[in-house]
C-alpha atoms as a PDB file:
ATOM      1  CA  MET A   1      92.395  72.756 139.713  1.00  0.00           C
ATOM      2  CA  LEU A   2      96.102  73.630 138.660  1.00  0.00           C
ATOM      3  CA  ALA A   3      94.987  73.914 135.142  1.00  0.00           C
ATOM      4  CA  LEU A   4      92.231  76.325 135.777  1.00  0.00           C
ATOM      5  CA  LEU A   5      94.701  78.443 137.700  1.00  0.00           C
ATOM      6  CA  THR A   6      97.137  78.256 134.677  1.00  0.00           C
ATOM      7  CA  GLN A   7      94.507  79.433 132.245  1.00  0.00           C
ATOM      8  CA  LEU A   8      93.191  82.166 134.563  1.00  0.00           C
ATOM      9  CA  GLU A   9      96.803  83.497 135.119  1.00  0.00           C
ATOM     10  CA  ALA A  10      97.366  83.536 131.084  1.00  0.00           C
ATOM     11  CA  VAL A  11      93.924  85.350 130.935  1.00  0.00           C
ATOM     12  CA  CYS A  12      94.929  88.037 133.561  1.00  0.00           C
ATOM     13  CA  THR A  13      98.363  88.469 131.862  1.00  0.00           C
ATOM     14  CA  ALA A  14      96.474  89.078 128.349  1.00  0.00           C
ATOM     15  CA  ALA A  15      94.257  91.627 129.916  1.00  0.00           C
ATOM     16  CA  GLY A  16      97.175  93.330 131.284  1.00  0.00           C
ATOM     17  CA  HIS A  17      98.743  93.669 127.948  1.00  0.00           C
ATOM     18  CA  LEU A  18      95.459  94.620 126.458  1.00  0.00           C
ATOM     19  CA  ALA A  19      95.086  97.493 128.960  1.00  0.00           C
ATOM     20  CA  LYS A  20      98.889  98.818 128.399  1.00  0.00           C
ATOM     21  CA  ALA A  21      98.001  98.761 124.549  1.00  0.00           C
ATOM     22  CA  VAL A  22      94.953 100.628 124.964  1.00  0.00           C
ATOM     23  CA  GLU A  23      96.855 103.216 127.152  1.00  0.00           C
ATOM     24  CA  GLU A  24      99.476 103.445 124.482  1.00  0.00           C
ATOM     25  CA  ALA A  25      97.377 103.776 121.187  1.00  0.00           C
ATOM     26  CA  PHE A  26      94.009 105.535 122.304  1.00  0.00           C
ATOM     27  CA  PRO A  27      96.124 109.216 122.711  1.00  0.00           C
ATOM     28  CA  ARG A  28      96.746 108.826 119.223  1.00  0.00           C
ATOM     29  CA  HIS A  29      93.262 108.712 118.172  1.00  0.00           C
ATOM     30  CA  PRO A  30      91.575 111.813 116.584  1.00  0.00           C
ATOM     31  CA  ASP A  31      88.794 112.268 119.158  1.00  0.00           C
ATOM     32  CA  ALA A  32      91.002 111.355 122.236  1.00  0.00           C
ATOM     33  CA  GLU A  33      91.770 115.193 123.095  1.00  0.00           C
ATOM     34  CA  ILE A  34      87.963 115.816 123.237  1.00  0.00           C
ATOM     35  CA  MET A  35      87.166 112.467 125.151  1.00  0.00           C
ATOM     36  CA  LEU A  36      89.702 113.174 127.667  1.00  0.00           C
ATOM     37  CA  SER A  37      88.537 116.597 128.140  1.00  0.00           C
ATOM     38  CA  LEU A  38      85.426 115.219 129.906  1.00  0.00           C
ATOM     39  CA  PRO A  39      85.295 114.437 133.461  1.00  0.00           C
ATOM     40  CA  GLY A  40      85.874 111.502 134.635  1.00  0.00           C
ATOM     41  CA  PHE A  41      87.421 109.902 131.319  1.00  0.00           C
ATOM     42  CA  ARG A  42      90.693 107.988 131.377  1.00  0.00           C
ATOM     43  CA  ALA A  43      92.020 106.110 128.371  1.00  0.00           C
ATOM     44  CA  GLN A  44      90.498 102.960 129.316  1.00  0.00           C
ATOM     45  CA  LEU A  45      86.958 104.160 129.545  1.00  0.00           C
ATOM     46  CA  ALA A  46      87.038 106.722 126.726  1.00  0.00           C
ATOM     47  CA  ALA A  47      88.279 103.803 124.396  1.00  0.00           C
ATOM     48  CA  ARG A  48      85.615 101.737 125.562  1.00  0.00           C
ATOM     49  CA  ILE A  49      82.823 104.280 125.126  1.00  0.00           C
ATOM     50  CA  LEU A  50      84.384 105.269 121.703  1.00  0.00           C
ATOM     51  CA  ALA A  51      84.384 101.587 120.464  1.00  0.00           C
ATOM     52  CA  GLU A  52      80.794 101.188 121.166  1.00  0.00           C
ATOM     53  CA  ILE A  53      79.796 104.417 119.758  1.00  0.00           C
ATOM     54  CA  GLY A  54      82.054 103.856 116.682  1.00  0.00           C
ATOM     55  CA  ASP A  55      83.894 106.458 114.269  1.00  0.00           C
ATOM     56  CA  ASN A  56      80.668 106.762 112.133  1.00  0.00           C
ATOM     57  CA  ARG A  57      79.623 110.384 112.985  1.00  0.00           C
ATOM     58  CA  PRO A  58      76.517 110.535 110.813  1.00  0.00           C
ATOM     59  CA  ARG A  59      75.270 107.350 112.473  1.00  0.00           C
ATOM     60  CA  PHE A  60      73.928 109.436 115.261  1.00  0.00           C
ATOM     61  CA  VAL A  61      72.342 112.807 113.918  1.00  0.00           C
ATOM     62  CA  ASP A  62      71.938 113.935 117.484  1.00  0.00           C
ATOM     63  CA  ALA A  63      72.170 113.276 120.938  1.00  0.00           C
ATOM     64  CA  HIS A  64      68.557 111.604 121.126  1.00  0.00           C
ATOM     65  CA  GLY A  65      69.852 109.113 118.850  1.00  0.00           C
ATOM     66  CA  LEU A  66      72.994 108.296 120.989  1.00  0.00           C
ATOM     67  CA  LYS A  67      70.794 108.299 124.081  1.00  0.00           C
ATOM     68  CA  ALA A  68      68.250 105.659 122.667  1.00  0.00           C
ATOM     69  CA  TYR A  69      71.208 103.517 121.269  1.00  0.00           C
ATOM     70  CA  ALA A  70      72.722 103.291 124.839  1.00  0.00           C
ATOM     71  CA  GLY A  71      68.949 102.859 126.327  1.00  0.00           C
ATOM     72  CA  LEU A  72      68.829 106.125 128.322  1.00  0.00           C
ATOM     73  CA  SER A  73      65.849 107.726 126.351  1.00  0.00           C
ATOM     74  CA  PRO A  74      62.389 106.329 127.900  1.00  0.00           C
ATOM     75  CA  VAL A  75      59.957 104.721 125.869  1.00  0.00           C
ATOM     76  CA  THR A  76      56.372 106.397 125.692  1.00  0.00           C
ATOM     77  CA  ARG A  77      53.579 104.403 124.640  1.00  0.00           C
ATOM     78  CA  ALA A  78      50.073 105.864 124.212  1.00  0.00           C
ATOM     79  CA  SER A  79      46.880 104.457 123.059  1.00  0.00           C
ATOM     80  CA  GLY A  80      43.672 106.508 123.566  1.00  0.00           C
ATOM     81  CA  LYS A  81      43.480 108.317 126.879  1.00  0.00           C
ATOM     82  CA  LYS A  82      46.355 105.768 128.619  1.00  0.00           C
ATOM     83  CA  SER A  83      49.940 106.396 128.281  1.00  0.00           C
ATOM     84  CA  SER A  84      52.798 104.750 129.822  1.00  0.00           C
ATOM     85  CA  ILE A  85      56.365 105.636 130.289  1.00  0.00           C
ATOM     86  CA  THR A  86      58.920 102.808 130.405  1.00  0.00           C
ATOM     87  CA  GLY A  87      62.622 102.064 130.315  1.00  0.00           C
ATOM     88  CA  ARG A  88      64.225 100.665 127.059  1.00  0.00           C
ATOM     89  CA  TRP A  89      64.794  97.066 127.014  1.00  0.00           C
ATOM     90  CA  VAL A  90      66.553  96.894 123.552  1.00  0.00           C
ATOM     91  CA  ARG A  91      69.854  98.755 123.864  1.00  0.00           C
ATOM     92  CA  ASN A  92      73.618  98.374 123.717  1.00  0.00           C
ATOM     93  CA  ASP A  93      74.417  97.167 127.140  1.00  0.00           C
ATOM     94  CA  ARG A  94      78.122  97.749 127.099  1.00  0.00           C
ATOM     95  CA  LEU A  95      77.548 101.303 126.240  1.00  0.00           C
ATOM     96  CA  ASN A  96      74.843 101.578 128.952  1.00  0.00           C
ATOM     97  CA  HIS A  97      77.301  99.766 131.602  1.00  0.00           C
ATOM     98  CA  ALA A  98      80.010 102.210 130.421  1.00  0.00           C
ATOM     99  CA  GLY A  99      78.079 105.365 130.861  1.00  0.00           C
ATOM    100  CA  TYR A 100      77.109 104.301 134.597  1.00  0.00           C
ATOM    101  CA  LEU A 101      80.771 103.743 135.088  1.00  0.00           C
ATOM    102  CA  TRP A 102      81.507 107.337 133.581  1.00  0.00           C
ATOM    103  CA  ALA A 103      78.881 108.895 135.947  1.00  0.00           C
ATOM    104  CA  CYS A 104      80.409 107.326 138.878  1.00  0.00           C
ATOM    105  CA  ALA A 105      83.890 108.527 137.842  1.00  0.00           C
ATOM    106  CA  SER A 106      82.472 112.125 136.891  1.00  0.00           C
ATOM    107  CA  LEU A 107      81.235 112.458 140.412  1.00  0.00           C
ATOM    108  CA  ARG A 108      84.553 112.744 141.520  1.00  0.00           C
ATOM    109  CA  ALA A 109      86.140 114.902 138.877  1.00  0.00           C
ATOM    110  CA  SER A 110      83.309 117.464 138.146  1.00  0.00           C
ATOM    111  CA  ALA A 111      81.891 120.098 140.463  1.00  0.00           C
ATOM    112  CA  GLY A 112      78.947 120.764 137.966  1.00  0.00           C
ATOM    113  CA  ALA A 113      78.241 116.740 137.919  1.00  0.00           C
ATOM    114  CA  ILE A 114      78.100 116.474 141.761  1.00  0.00           C
ATOM    115  CA  ALA A 115      75.994 119.640 141.962  1.00  0.00           C
ATOM    116  CA  ARG A 116      73.542 118.176 139.184  1.00  0.00           C
ATOM    117  CA  HIS A 117      73.475 114.790 141.094  1.00  0.00           C
ATOM    118  CA  ARG A 118      73.417 115.748 144.424  1.00  0.00           C
ATOM    119  CA  ARG A 119      71.512 119.151 144.783  1.00  0.00           C
ATOM    120  CA  ARG A 120      69.370 118.942 142.056  1.00  0.00           C
ATOM    121  CA  ARG A 121      68.309 115.449 141.256  1.00  0.00           C
ATOM    122  CA  ARG A 122      68.596 113.862 144.887  1.00  0.00           C
ATOM    123  CA  ARG A 123      67.368 116.797 146.838  1.00  0.00           C
ATOM    124  CA  GLU A 124      64.937 118.913 144.852  1.00  0.00           C
ATOM    125  CA  HIS A 125      63.684 115.901 142.836  1.00  0.00           C
ATOM    126  CA  GLY A 126      63.764 113.431 145.432  1.00  0.00           C
ATOM    127  CA  ASP A 127      65.252 110.787 142.991  1.00  0.00           C
ATOM    128  CA  TRP A 128      66.887 107.647 144.407  1.00  0.00           C
ATOM    129  CA  HIS A 129      70.565 107.412 143.402  1.00  0.00           C
ATOM    130  CA  PRO A 130      70.059 105.051 140.185  1.00  0.00           C
ATOM    131  CA  VAL A 131      67.236 107.748 139.176  1.00  0.00           C
ATOM    132  CA  ALA A 132      70.020 110.466 139.534  1.00  0.00           C
ATOM    133  CA  GLN A 133      72.781 108.722 138.261  1.00  0.00           C
ATOM    134  CA  ARG A 134      70.584 107.752 135.125  1.00  0.00           C
ATOM    135  CA  ASN A 135      69.878 111.432 134.547  1.00  0.00           C
ATOM    136  CA  LEU A 136      73.468 112.454 135.173  1.00  0.00           C
ATOM    137  CA  VAL A 137      74.657 109.564 132.432  1.00  0.00           C
ATOM    138  CA  ASN A 138      72.023 110.992 130.030  1.00  0.00           C
ATOM    139  CA  ARG A 139      73.221 114.700 130.364  1.00  0.00           C
ATOM    140  CA  MET A 140      76.919 113.505 130.153  1.00  0.00           C
ATOM    141  CA  ILE A 141      76.129 111.352 126.882  1.00  0.00           C
ATOM    142  CA  GLY A 142      74.646 114.426 125.525  1.00  0.00           C
ATOM    143  CA  LYS A 143      77.727 116.676 126.269  1.00  0.00           C
ATOM    144  CA  LEU A 144      79.714 114.030 124.536  1.00  0.00           C
ATOM    145  CA  CYS A 145      77.722 113.996 121.547  1.00  0.00           C
ATOM    146  CA  ARG A 146      78.003 117.790 121.281  1.00  0.00           C
ATOM    147  CA  CYS A 147      81.660 118.025 121.734  1.00  0.00           C
ATOM    148  CA  LEU A 148      82.211 115.334 119.217  1.00  0.00           C
ATOM    149  CA  GLN A 149      79.735 116.909 116.831  1.00  0.00           C
ATOM    150  CA  TYR A 150      81.463 120.323 117.107  1.00  0.00           C
ATOM    151  CA  ARG A 151      84.787 119.321 117.689  1.00  0.00           C
ATOM    152  CA  LYS A 152      85.112 121.172 120.915  1.00  0.00           C
ATOM    153  CA  LEU A 153      86.946 120.415 124.091  1.00  0.00           C
ATOM    154  CA  PHE A 154      84.397 119.954 127.259  1.00  0.00           C
ATOM    155  CA  ASP A 155      83.757 123.284 129.311  1.00  0.00           C
ATOM    156  CA  GLU A 156      82.586 122.729 132.926  1.00  0.00           C
ATOM    157  CA  HIS A 157      81.070 126.143 133.100  1.00  0.00           C
ATOM    158  CA  THR A 158      79.095 125.782 129.650  1.00  0.00           C
ATOM    159  CA  ALA A 159      77.918 122.582 130.680  1.00  0.00           C
ATOM    160  CA  PHE A 160      76.798 123.140 133.977  1.00  0.00           C
ATOM    161  CA  PRO A 161      76.272 126.876 134.376  1.00  0.00           C
ATOM    162  CA  THR A 162      73.606 127.161 136.853  1.00  0.00           C
ATOM    163  CA  ASN A 163      74.808 124.307 138.946  1.00  0.00           C
ATOM    164  CA  LEU A 164      78.228 125.335 139.506  1.00  0.00           C
ATOM    165  CA  ALA A 165      77.020 128.981 140.616  1.00  0.00           C
ATOM    166  CA  ALA A 166      74.687 127.237 143.261  1.00  0.00           C
ATOM    167  CA  ALA A 167      77.679 124.871 144.257  1.00  0.00           C
ATOM    168  CA  ALA A 168      80.062 127.755 144.895  1.00  0.00           C
END
């Protein structure tokens, strides 16, 4: 048991050193300013999502490709008169999980995200929390892709124009 505790302590120390290194190195990345302008992002989460997306911008032509890679776009299967819409099973689980963490963080940092999640999705559509959260992640991934594509900082009023007016 003491040997396991020693190993656990070494792993925790290494994780702390890695977190400190990410905090120091991430602000020097060319996309750091853009990513940190998005609500809910701090260096750790932004670095994690950037690591999963990668630096190869032509890899994802548009936001739809990135959403499909993250497993957020639904799969529609149609045969004859029948069609079904299901979730994706083949996806980047690390990016998907980081997206959900980002959605939780953005609910604390963005009035537009709160309005979209609570008012529009929960009240108007009657969505359960996981469904509304997936919708918010989908929207935020699209905003991230657009900001990186056009090299623009995130603007709350452009991203959530009607939601902010309704929240006020």
